[in-house]
Protein backbone atom coordinates (compact mmCIF):
# COMPACT_ATOMS: atom_id res chain seq x y z
CA UNK A 1 7.04 22.80 -0.54
CA UNK A 2 3.63 21.20 -0.92
CA UNK A 3 2.87 18.09 -2.95
CA UNK A 4 1.22 19.97 -5.82
CA UNK A 5 4.32 22.16 -6.34
CA UNK A 6 6.56 19.10 -6.21
CA UNK A 7 4.45 17.41 -8.90
CA UNK A 8 4.65 20.54 -11.08
CA UNK A 9 8.40 20.94 -10.73
CA UNK A 10 9.27 17.27 -11.09
CA UNK A 11 7.04 16.63 -14.11
CA UNK A 12 8.09 19.85 -15.85
CA UNK A 13 11.80 19.28 -15.23
CA UNK A 14 11.57 15.65 -16.29
CA UNK A 15 9.71 16.59 -19.47
CA UNK A 16 12.26 19.30 -20.25
CA UNK A 17 15.14 16.85 -19.87
CA UNK A 18 13.45 14.16 -21.98
CA UNK A 19 12.40 16.55 -24.75
CA UNK A 20 15.80 18.25 -24.71
CA UNK A 21 17.65 14.96 -25.12
CA UNK A 22 15.26 13.82 -27.85
CA UNK A 23 15.53 17.11 -29.75
CA UNK A 24 19.30 17.13 -29.52
CA UNK A 25 19.38 13.57 -30.82
CA UNK A 26 17.02 14.42 -33.69
CA UNK A 27 19.05 17.51 -34.63
CA UNK A 28 22.43 15.79 -34.75
CA UNK A 29 20.99 12.76 -36.54
CA UNK A 30 19.45 14.99 -39.21
CA UNK A 31 22.69 16.98 -39.49
CA UNK A 32 24.79 13.85 -39.95
CA UNK A 33 22.38 12.42 -42.54
CA UNK A 34 22.38 15.72 -44.45
CA UNK A 35 26.20 15.91 -44.49
CA UNK A 36 26.47 12.26 -45.57
CA UNK A 37 24.05 12.89 -48.44
CA UNK A 38 25.98 15.95 -49.59
CA UNK A 39 29.26 14.04 -49.24
CA UNK A 40 27.98 11.22 -51.47
CA UNK A 41 27.02 13.65 -54.21
CA UNK A 42 30.19 15.74 -53.92
CA UNK A 43 32.40 12.65 -53.76
CA UNK A 44 30.92 11.46 -57.06
CA UNK A 45 31.83 14.80 -58.67
CA UNK A 46 35.36 14.58 -57.24
CA UNK A 47 35.85 11.10 -58.70
CA UNK A 48 34.71 12.33 -62.12
CA UNK A 49 37.04 15.30 -61.84
CA UNK A 50 39.98 13.07 -60.91
CA UNK A 51 39.22 10.88 -63.91
CA UNK A 52 39.27 13.92 -66.17
CA UNK A 53 42.52 15.21 -64.64
CA UNK A 54 44.22 11.87 -65.11
CA UNK A 55 43.58 12.17 -68.87
CA UNK A 56 44.80 15.76 -69.01
CA UNK A 57 47.61 16.53 -71.51
CA UNK A 58 50.40 19.06 -70.96
CA UNK A 59 48.82 21.48 -73.36
CA UNK A 60 45.43 21.31 -71.58
CA UNK A 61 44.46 24.08 -69.18
CA UNK A 62 43.81 22.49 -65.74
CA UNK A 63 41.82 25.52 -64.55
CA UNK A 64 39.31 24.95 -67.36
CA UNK A 65 38.86 21.33 -66.33
CA UNK A 66 38.46 22.31 -62.67
CA UNK A 67 35.84 24.94 -63.50
CA UNK A 68 33.82 22.24 -65.25
CA UNK A 69 33.38 20.49 -61.91
CA UNK A 70 33.27 23.60 -59.73
CA UNK A 71 30.27 23.32 -57.37
CA UNK A 72 28.03 26.36 -56.88
CA UNK A 73 29.03 28.41 -53.82
CA UNK A 74 32.28 26.52 -53.60
CA UNK A 75 35.88 26.19 -54.79
CA UNK A 76 38.63 23.79 -55.83
CA UNK A 77 42.26 23.93 -54.68
CA UNK A 78 45.33 22.06 -55.91
CA UNK A 79 48.18 21.60 -53.39
CA UNK A 80 51.61 20.17 -54.15
CA UNK A 81 53.39 17.58 -52.06
CA UNK A 82 54.71 20.35 -49.76
CA UNK A 83 51.22 21.69 -49.15
CA UNK A 84 51.78 24.83 -51.19
CA UNK A 85 48.90 26.17 -53.22
CA UNK A 86 49.30 25.56 -56.94
CA UNK A 87 45.89 26.40 -58.39
CA UNK A 88 42.59 27.81 -57.13
CA UNK A 89 39.20 28.15 -58.79
CA UNK A 90 36.22 29.37 -56.78
CA UNK A 91 32.87 31.07 -57.05
CA UNK A 92 33.20 33.07 -53.82
CA UNK A 93 35.98 35.43 -52.76
CA UNK A 94 35.28 34.57 -49.14
CA UNK A 95 36.33 30.98 -49.84
CA UNK A 96 39.99 32.15 -50.12
CA UNK A 97 40.33 32.62 -46.35
CA UNK A 98 38.67 29.32 -45.48
CA UNK A 99 41.00 26.57 -44.28
CA UNK A 100 39.45 23.12 -43.76
CA UNK A 101 40.52 20.83 -40.92
CA UNK A 102 40.59 17.06 -41.48
CA UNK A 103 40.32 14.58 -38.61
CA UNK A 104 42.18 11.29 -38.90
CA UNK A 105 40.01 8.63 -40.51
CA UNK A 106 37.23 11.00 -41.54
CA UNK A 107 36.32 10.95 -45.27
CA UNK A 108 35.38 14.62 -45.30
CA UNK A 109 35.63 17.82 -43.32
CA UNK A 110 32.82 20.13 -42.25
CA UNK A 111 33.48 23.68 -41.15
CA UNK A 112 31.64 26.99 -41.18
CA UNK A 113 32.04 30.08 -43.29
CA UNK A 114 29.99 33.10 -42.25
CA UNK A 115 27.66 30.81 -40.28
CA UNK A 116 27.09 28.41 -43.19
CA UNK A 117 28.52 24.86 -43.17
CA UNK A 118 31.22 24.05 -45.74
CA UNK A 119 31.88 20.47 -46.86
CA UNK A 120 35.42 19.67 -48.07
CA UNK A 121 36.78 16.52 -49.72
CA UNK A 122 40.53 15.98 -50.11
CA UNK A 123 41.88 13.36 -52.55
CA UNK A 124 45.28 12.70 -54.19
CA UNK A 125 45.67 12.85 -57.99
CA UNK A 126 48.58 12.46 -60.49
CA UNK A 127 49.20 15.81 -62.17
CA UNK A 128 50.19 16.27 -65.79
CA UNK A 129 53.90 16.49 -64.86
CA UNK A 130 53.73 13.16 -63.06
CA UNK A 131 53.74 14.75 -59.57
CA UNK A 132 51.22 13.55 -56.95
CA UNK A 133 49.15 16.47 -55.74
CA UNK A 134 46.09 16.87 -53.53
CA UNK A 135 42.82 18.25 -54.81
CA UNK A 136 40.40 19.83 -52.32
CA UNK A 137 36.81 20.37 -53.42
CA UNK A 138 34.81 22.69 -51.13
CA UNK A 139 31.08 23.31 -51.21
CA UNK A 140 29.13 25.75 -49.10
CA UNK A 141 25.94 23.94 -47.98
CA UNK A 142 23.44 26.79 -48.11
CA UNK A 143 20.36 24.55 -48.28
CA UNK A 144 21.60 22.32 -45.47
CA UNK A 145 22.35 25.38 -43.33
CA UNK A 146 18.87 26.78 -43.96
CA UNK A 147 17.31 23.41 -43.20
CA UNK A 148 19.26 23.11 -39.95
CA UNK A 149 18.20 26.62 -38.93
CA UNK A 150 14.59 25.78 -39.71
CA UNK A 151 14.90 22.49 -37.83
CA UNK A 152 16.23 24.32 -34.78
CA UNK A 153 13.24 26.66 -34.86
CA UNK A 154 10.88 23.70 -35.15
CA UNK A 155 12.52 21.85 -32.26
CA UNK A 156 12.49 24.95 -30.06
CA UNK A 157 8.82 25.49 -30.91
CA UNK A 158 8.01 21.84 -30.19
CA UNK A 159 9.85 22.08 -26.88
CA UNK A 160 8.01 25.25 -25.84
CA UNK A 161 4.65 23.79 -26.90
CA UNK A 162 5.40 20.53 -25.14
CA UNK A 163 6.42 22.34 -21.96
CA UNK A 164 3.24 24.42 -22.01
CA UNK A 165 1.13 21.30 -22.49
CA UNK A 166 3.10 19.47 -19.81
CA UNK A 167 2.68 22.36 -17.40
CA UNK A 168 -1.07 22.38 -18.00
CA UNK A 169 -1.27 18.61 -17.59
CA UNK A 170 0.87 18.66 -14.43
CA UNK A 171 -1.39 21.31 -12.94
CA UNK A 172 -4.41 19.17 -13.77
CA UNK A 173 -2.69 16.05 -12.46
CA UNK A 174 -1.69 17.85 -9.29
CA UNK A 175 -5.27 18.91 -8.69
CA UNK A 176 -6.56 15.39 -9.33
CA UNK A 177 -4.04 13.85 -6.93
CA UNK A 178 -4.15 16.47 -4.19
CA UNK A 179 -7.92 17.03 -4.20
CA UNK A 180 -8.75 13.81 -2.29
CA UNK A 181 -5.69 14.33 -0.09
CA UNK A 182 -6.83 17.86 0.80
CA UNK A 183 -10.31 16.52 1.40
CA UNK A 184 -8.81 13.89 3.68
CA UNK A 185 -6.79 16.50 5.57
CA UNK A 186 -9.81 18.78 5.96
CA UNK A 187 -11.97 15.91 7.15
CA UNK A 188 -9.36 14.88 9.73
CA UNK A 189 -9.04 18.50 10.89
CA UNK A 190 -12.81 18.84 11.25
CA UNK A 191 -12.93 15.53 13.11
CA UNK A 192 -10.20 16.68 15.49
CA UNK A 193 -11.94 19.99 16.17
CA UNK A 194 -15.50 18.70 16.40
CA UNK A 195 -14.68 15.42 18.10
CA UNK A 196 -16.82 13.56 15.57
CA UNK A 197 -15.79 10.73 13.29
CA UNK A 198 -16.48 12.32 9.93
CA UNK A 199 -16.20 10.35 6.68
CA UNK A 200 -15.33 11.21 3.07
CA UNK A 201 -17.90 10.96 0.30
CA UNK A 202 -16.67 8.37 -2.22
CA UNK A 203 -18.41 7.65 -5.48
CA UNK A 204 -19.29 3.94 -5.60
CA UNK A 205 -18.28 3.51 -9.27
CA UNK A 206 -14.69 4.68 -8.74
CA UNK A 207 -12.04 1.95 -8.52
CA UNK A 208 -8.78 3.91 -8.52
CA UNK A 209 -6.27 4.31 -5.70
CA UNK A 210 -7.77 7.61 -4.56
CA UNK A 211 -11.16 5.95 -4.10
CA UNK A 212 -9.51 3.05 -2.27
CA UNK A 213 -7.79 5.54 0.03
CA UNK A 214 -11.13 7.19 0.78
CA UNK A 215 -12.80 3.83 1.43
CA UNK A 216 -9.94 2.74 3.70
CA UNK A 217 -10.17 6.05 5.60
CA UNK A 218 -13.93 5.70 6.06
CA UNK A 219 -13.51 2.13 7.30
CA UNK A 220 -10.82 3.28 9.71
CA UNK A 221 -13.01 6.10 11.04
CA UNK A 222 -15.93 3.72 11.42
CA UNK A 223 -13.77 1.27 13.31
CA UNK A 224 -12.40 4.04 15.53
CA UNK A 225 -15.92 5.23 16.26
CA UNK A 226 -17.05 1.72 17.14
CA UNK A 227 -14.02 1.13 19.35
CA UNK A 228 -14.55 4.47 21.09
CA UNK A 229 -18.21 3.66 21.74
CA UNK A 230 -17.26 0.22 23.03
CA UNK A 231 -14.59 1.70 25.27
CA UNK A 232 -16.97 4.38 26.52
CA UNK A 233 -19.66 1.80 27.21
CA UNK A 234 -17.16 -0.55 28.83
CA UNK A 235 -15.83 2.14 31.16
CA UNK A 236 -19.36 3.25 32.01
CA UNK A 237 -20.52 -0.29 32.74
CA UNK A 238 -17.38 -1.14 34.66
CA UNK A 239 -17.65 1.94 36.85
CA UNK A 240 -21.30 1.15 37.49
CA UNK A 241 -20.65 -2.50 38.31
CA UNK A 242 -17.68 -1.77 40.58
CA UNK A 243 -19.66 0.89 42.40
CA UNK A 244 -22.14 -1.66 43.81
CA UNK A 245 -19.69 -3.98 45.62
CA UNK A 246 -17.73 -0.98 46.88
CA UNK A 247 -20.93 0.50 48.29
CA UNK A 248 -21.76 -2.79 49.99
CA UNK A 249 -18.25 -3.06 51.43
CA UNK A 250 -18.41 0.53 52.66
CA UNK A 251 -21.82 -0.01 54.27
CA UNK A 252 -20.75 -3.14 56.11
CA UNK A 253 -17.49 -1.52 57.15
CA UNK A 254 -19.43 1.37 58.70
CA UNK A 255 -21.82 -1.10 60.36
CA UNK A 256 -18.86 -3.02 61.71
CA UNK A 257 -17.32 0.21 62.95
CA UNK A 258 -20.48 1.19 64.80
CA UNK A 259 -21.69 -2.09 66.29
CA UNK A 260 -19.39 -4.88 65.24
CA UNK A 261 -17.03 -4.84 68.17
CA UNK A 262 -19.88 -5.32 70.65
CA UNK A 263 -22.10 -7.62 68.57
CA UNK A 264 -20.47 -10.84 67.31
CA UNK A 265 -23.30 -11.65 64.89
CA UNK A 266 -23.04 -8.23 63.21
CA UNK A 267 -19.28 -8.60 63.05
CA UNK A 268 -19.47 -12.04 61.43
CA UNK A 269 -22.14 -10.90 58.97
CA UNK A 270 -20.15 -7.80 58.03
CA UNK A 271 -16.88 -9.69 57.54
CA UNK A 272 -18.64 -12.39 55.53
CA UNK A 273 -20.32 -9.80 53.29
CA UNK A 274 -17.07 -7.87 52.82
CA UNK A 275 -15.23 -11.09 51.87
CA UNK A 276 -17.97 -12.10 49.42
CA UNK A 277 -18.13 -8.70 47.75
CA UNK A 278 -14.33 -8.48 47.62
CA UNK A 279 -14.14 -11.91 45.98
CA UNK A 280 -16.84 -10.96 43.50
CA UNK A 281 -15.12 -7.69 42.69
CA UNK A 282 -11.79 -9.52 42.26
CA UNK A 283 -13.43 -11.95 39.83
CA UNK A 284 -15.03 -9.07 37.95
CA UNK A 285 -11.71 -7.23 37.61
CA UNK A 286 -10.02 -10.45 36.43
CA UNK A 287 -12.67 -11.01 33.77
CA UNK A 288 -12.52 -7.38 32.70
CA UNK A 289 -8.76 -7.77 32.18
CA UNK A 290 -9.41 -10.85 30.05
CA UNK A 291 -11.79 -8.85 27.87
CA UNK A 292 -9.34 -5.96 27.64
CA UNK A 293 -6.53 -8.29 26.61
CA UNK A 294 -8.74 -9.91 23.99
CA UNK A 295 -8.77 -6.60 22.10
CA UNK A 296 -5.06 -6.96 21.46
CA UNK A 297 -3.32 -9.48 19.25
CA UNK A 298 -2.71 -12.84 20.89
CA UNK A 299 -0.64 -15.79 19.78
CA UNK A 300 -2.37 -19.17 19.46
CA UNK A 301 -1.08 -22.69 19.11
CA UNK A 302 -3.26 -24.58 16.68
CA UNK A 303 -3.15 -28.36 16.63
CA UNK A 304 -5.35 -31.41 16.12
CA UNK A 305 -7.26 -31.92 19.38
CA UNK A 306 -9.28 -34.95 20.39
CA UNK A 307 -12.34 -33.14 21.76
CA UNK A 308 -13.83 -35.95 23.84
CA UNK A 309 -10.64 -36.42 25.84
CA UNK A 310 -10.37 -32.66 26.41
CA UNK A 311 -13.99 -32.47 27.66
CA UNK A 312 -13.50 -35.47 29.95
CA UNK A 313 -10.49 -33.76 31.56
CA UNK A 314 -12.45 -30.52 31.95
CA UNK A 315 -15.46 -32.28 33.53
CA UNK A 316 -13.20 -34.17 35.91
CA UNK A 317 -11.81 -30.84 37.18
CA UNK A 318 -15.33 -29.43 37.56
CA UNK A 319 -16.51 -32.50 39.54
CA UNK A 320 -13.60 -32.20 41.95
CA UNK A 321 -13.90 -28.42 42.36
CA UNK A 322 -17.69 -28.20 42.93
CA UNK A 323 -18.70 -31.73 43.92
CA UNK A 324 -21.40 -31.75 41.26
CA UNK A 325 -22.57 -34.27 38.70
CA UNK A 326 -21.27 -33.52 35.21
CA UNK A 327 -22.30 -36.10 32.59
CA UNK A 328 -20.75 -36.74 29.13
CA UNK A 329 -22.37 -38.46 26.18
CA UNK A 330 -20.67 -39.12 22.86
CA UNK A 331 -18.87 -41.85 20.94
CA UNK A 332 -15.51 -40.53 19.86
CA UNK A 333 -12.91 -39.85 18.92
CA UNK A 334 -13.70 -36.37 17.57
CA UNK A 335 -10.75 -34.44 16.10
CA UNK A 336 -10.74 -30.68 15.61
CA UNK A 337 -7.94 -28.32 14.53
CA UNK A 338 -8.00 -25.65 17.26
CA UNK A 339 -6.19 -24.05 20.20
CA UNK A 340 -6.40 -26.47 23.14
CA UNK A 341 -6.13 -23.92 25.96
CA UNK A 342 -8.59 -21.49 24.38
CA UNK A 343 -11.17 -24.25 23.87
CA UNK A 344 -10.61 -25.48 27.44
CA UNK A 345 -11.23 -21.95 28.78
CA UNK A 346 -14.40 -21.68 26.68
CA UNK A 347 -15.69 -24.96 28.12
CA UNK A 348 -14.86 -23.87 31.70
CA UNK A 349 -16.79 -20.61 31.29
CA UNK A 350 -19.95 -22.25 29.92
CA UNK A 351 -19.86 -25.18 32.35
CA UNK A 352 -19.33 -22.83 35.28
CA UNK A 353 -22.20 -20.66 34.06
CA UNK A 354 -24.47 -23.73 33.84
CA UNK A 355 -23.41 -24.83 37.35
CA UNK A 356 -24.32 -21.45 38.85
CA UNK A 357 -27.87 -21.44 37.55
CA UNK A 358 -28.81 -25.09 37.96
CA UNK A 359 -28.98 -27.29 41.05
CA UNK A 360 -29.26 -30.50 39.01
CA UNK A 361 -26.69 -32.37 36.92
CA UNK A 362 -25.02 -30.80 33.91
CA UNK A 363 -25.11 -32.84 30.72
CA UNK A 364 -22.60 -32.53 27.86
CA UNK A 365 -23.02 -34.25 24.47
CA UNK A 366 -20.74 -34.43 21.44
CA UNK A 367 -21.92 -34.97 17.86
CA UNK A 368 -20.23 -34.78 14.48
CA UNK A 369 -21.18 -34.41 10.83
CA UNK A 370 -19.50 -33.41 7.56
CA UNK A 371 -19.56 -29.71 8.47
CA UNK A 372 -17.96 -30.01 11.87
CA UNK A 373 -18.26 -30.98 15.55
CA UNK A 374 -20.94 -29.73 17.96
CA UNK A 375 -20.55 -29.63 21.75
CA UNK A 376 -23.89 -29.19 23.58
CA UNK A 377 -23.98 -28.28 27.30
CA UNK A 378 -27.39 -28.70 28.97
CA UNK A 379 -28.49 -27.43 32.37
CA UNK A 380 -31.88 -27.95 33.99
CA UNK A 381 -32.22 -24.58 35.65
CA UNK A 382 -34.85 -21.85 35.39
CA UNK A 383 -34.11 -21.09 31.73
CA UNK A 384 -33.79 -17.73 29.96
CA UNK A 385 -36.75 -15.67 28.62
CA UNK A 386 -36.79 -15.15 24.83
CA UNK A 387 -36.53 -11.39 25.23
CA UNK A 388 -33.14 -11.82 26.94
CA UNK A 389 -31.56 -14.34 24.57
CA UNK A 390 -30.28 -11.71 22.12
CA UNK A 391 -28.44 -9.87 24.86
CA UNK A 392 -26.81 -12.83 26.61
CA UNK A 393 -23.42 -12.00 25.11
CA UNK A 394 -23.51 -8.29 26.05
CA UNK A 395 -21.03 -7.22 28.67
CA UNK A 396 -22.47 -6.81 32.20
CA UNK A 397 -25.92 -7.90 31.05
CA UNK A 398 -27.85 -9.97 33.61
CA UNK A 399 -31.12 -11.83 33.06
CA UNK A 400 -31.98 -11.77 36.76
CA UNK A 401 -30.16 -9.19 38.87
CA UNK A 402 -31.10 -10.77 42.18
CA UNK A 403 -30.08 -14.26 41.07
CA UNK A 404 -26.75 -13.00 39.76
CA UNK A 405 -26.03 -11.30 43.08
CA UNK A 406 -26.75 -14.55 44.81
CA UNK A 407 -24.59 -16.67 42.51
CA UNK A 408 -21.80 -14.10 42.31
CA UNK A 409 -22.16 -13.51 38.56
CA UNK A 410 -20.55 -10.47 36.98
CA UNK A 411 -22.28 -10.45 33.60
CA UNK A 412 -18.92 -10.85 31.81
CA UNK A 413 -18.64 -14.63 31.44
CA UNK A 414 -20.69 -15.05 28.26
CA UNK A 415 -19.07 -11.97 26.70
CA UNK A 416 -15.68 -13.60 27.23
CA UNK A 417 -16.99 -16.90 25.87
CA UNK A 418 -18.25 -15.17 22.72
CA UNK A 419 -14.89 -13.47 22.25
CA UNK A 420 -13.00 -16.77 22.57
CA UNK A 421 -15.42 -18.48 20.16
CA UNK A 422 -14.86 -15.75 17.56
CA UNK A 423 -11.11 -16.23 17.80
CA UNK A 424 -11.53 -19.98 17.28
CA UNK A 425 -13.97 -19.46 14.38
CA UNK A 426 -16.53 -21.32 16.49
CA UNK A 427 -20.22 -20.50 16.68
CA UNK A 428 -22.27 -20.36 19.90
CA UNK A 429 -26.06 -20.75 19.83
CA UNK A 430 -28.47 -20.87 22.79
CA UNK A 431 -31.76 -22.71 23.21
CA UNK A 432 -33.70 -22.09 26.39
CA UNK A 433 -37.17 -22.71 27.82
CA UNK A 434 -38.25 -20.96 31.00
CA UNK A 435 -38.73 -23.50 33.76
CA UNK A 436 -36.99 -26.36 31.90
CA UNK A 437 -33.42 -25.25 31.36
CA UNK A 438 -30.89 -24.03 28.81
CA UNK A 439 -28.77 -25.70 26.11
CA UNK A 440 -25.67 -24.00 24.71
CA UNK A 441 -24.24 -25.38 21.46
CA UNK A 442 -20.60 -24.84 20.49
CA UNK A 443 -20.07 -25.60 16.80
CA UNK A 444 -16.48 -26.13 15.61
CA UNK A 445 -16.36 -26.22 11.77
CA UNK A 446 -14.16 -28.76 9.99
CA UNK A 447 -12.54 -26.09 7.78
CA UNK A 448 -11.88 -23.37 10.29
CA UNK A 449 -10.30 -20.01 9.49
CA UNK A 450 -8.19 -19.56 12.60
CA UNK A 451 -7.49 -15.92 13.33
CA UNK A 452 -5.03 -14.08 15.58
CA UNK A 453 -6.70 -11.13 17.25
């Protein structure tokens, strides 16, 4: 059963139940009010009749008195203490066979005679001979019966009209609700068949849930398309970059196979080249795994970090590892709310990148203002041309292919650095002059929005 049919059935059934209960309530309320009104009027006549009977003399004819108060389409009965009929006056022969039934505590009785309600009141009275008898006054409620019949017709007509209107509205509602859903289903089916990331047309002025669903779907498709393109580009670049060291390794292995066992120099050169390319390929694979893991959600430990102490520890490790001069300038302390290990990794990547492309010392400075803390890392290498600055953070992009081969660069370091900076809500900017060197600024804002990716 589709959604549209479910909407039709549920709304129609619910409306039928609600209208049925309301109509039943209205009918019985009107019926009770009508009977109470008739009872009030008839009870007043009975009281007057009892007053007249109490003044009756022995020589008076009780039937004459009873006829005075005889209601139209009704009758009056007098019953003795044993329940035997003593006197009857009535306007309808059919009333003779009618026997009212009184419930305990009820002031009157309502029955039916030939489909018409009959109201009966039963009260005791002292007869002329001093005996206590019961007087029953019965009235056939023709007007009330006609009104109840007419009310039933009206309620049935209202119910039918309401059901027709509800059916029409449920059909319209079903179309309104299922139209965007069907459009969504069709779009997804077309996307699956065509392999394209199709989107739904959404009117910009709509603010309802259907429009929000369409907007969310379009954003999802756009994100899927972007992720697919990134994945496709990543796989393409990775396969291309891994192909080069494998080719080199294969070439030297063949050279070693042909001449290496008889020529020591060729053997040493081949082994050295194979080791270098293997190490470079291992580093590339490791960095690629870092980038792949960065696409998933990672847990971070945010805390107040004294930046100058962290940088001093990082520079000390770099000095020991590479026997290079790493300088630090800044008057701390500088406190930042961040992830210590992520920031340390970011510093290692940029410092290592500066070390690779500069033979001179590496200088690091720390400054602070109201907006946040800036870490600047300066190298005095060859610098980066302006045309290449915008692509520094692209994966596998190299400014100088020959120089990167020499230094062992993979083209992934700055892409990883940018990814870490985004997770820390930090901002990386680059200033570079060809022939003079490069400065990389890491800005850590005071009010960071720290995000788990």
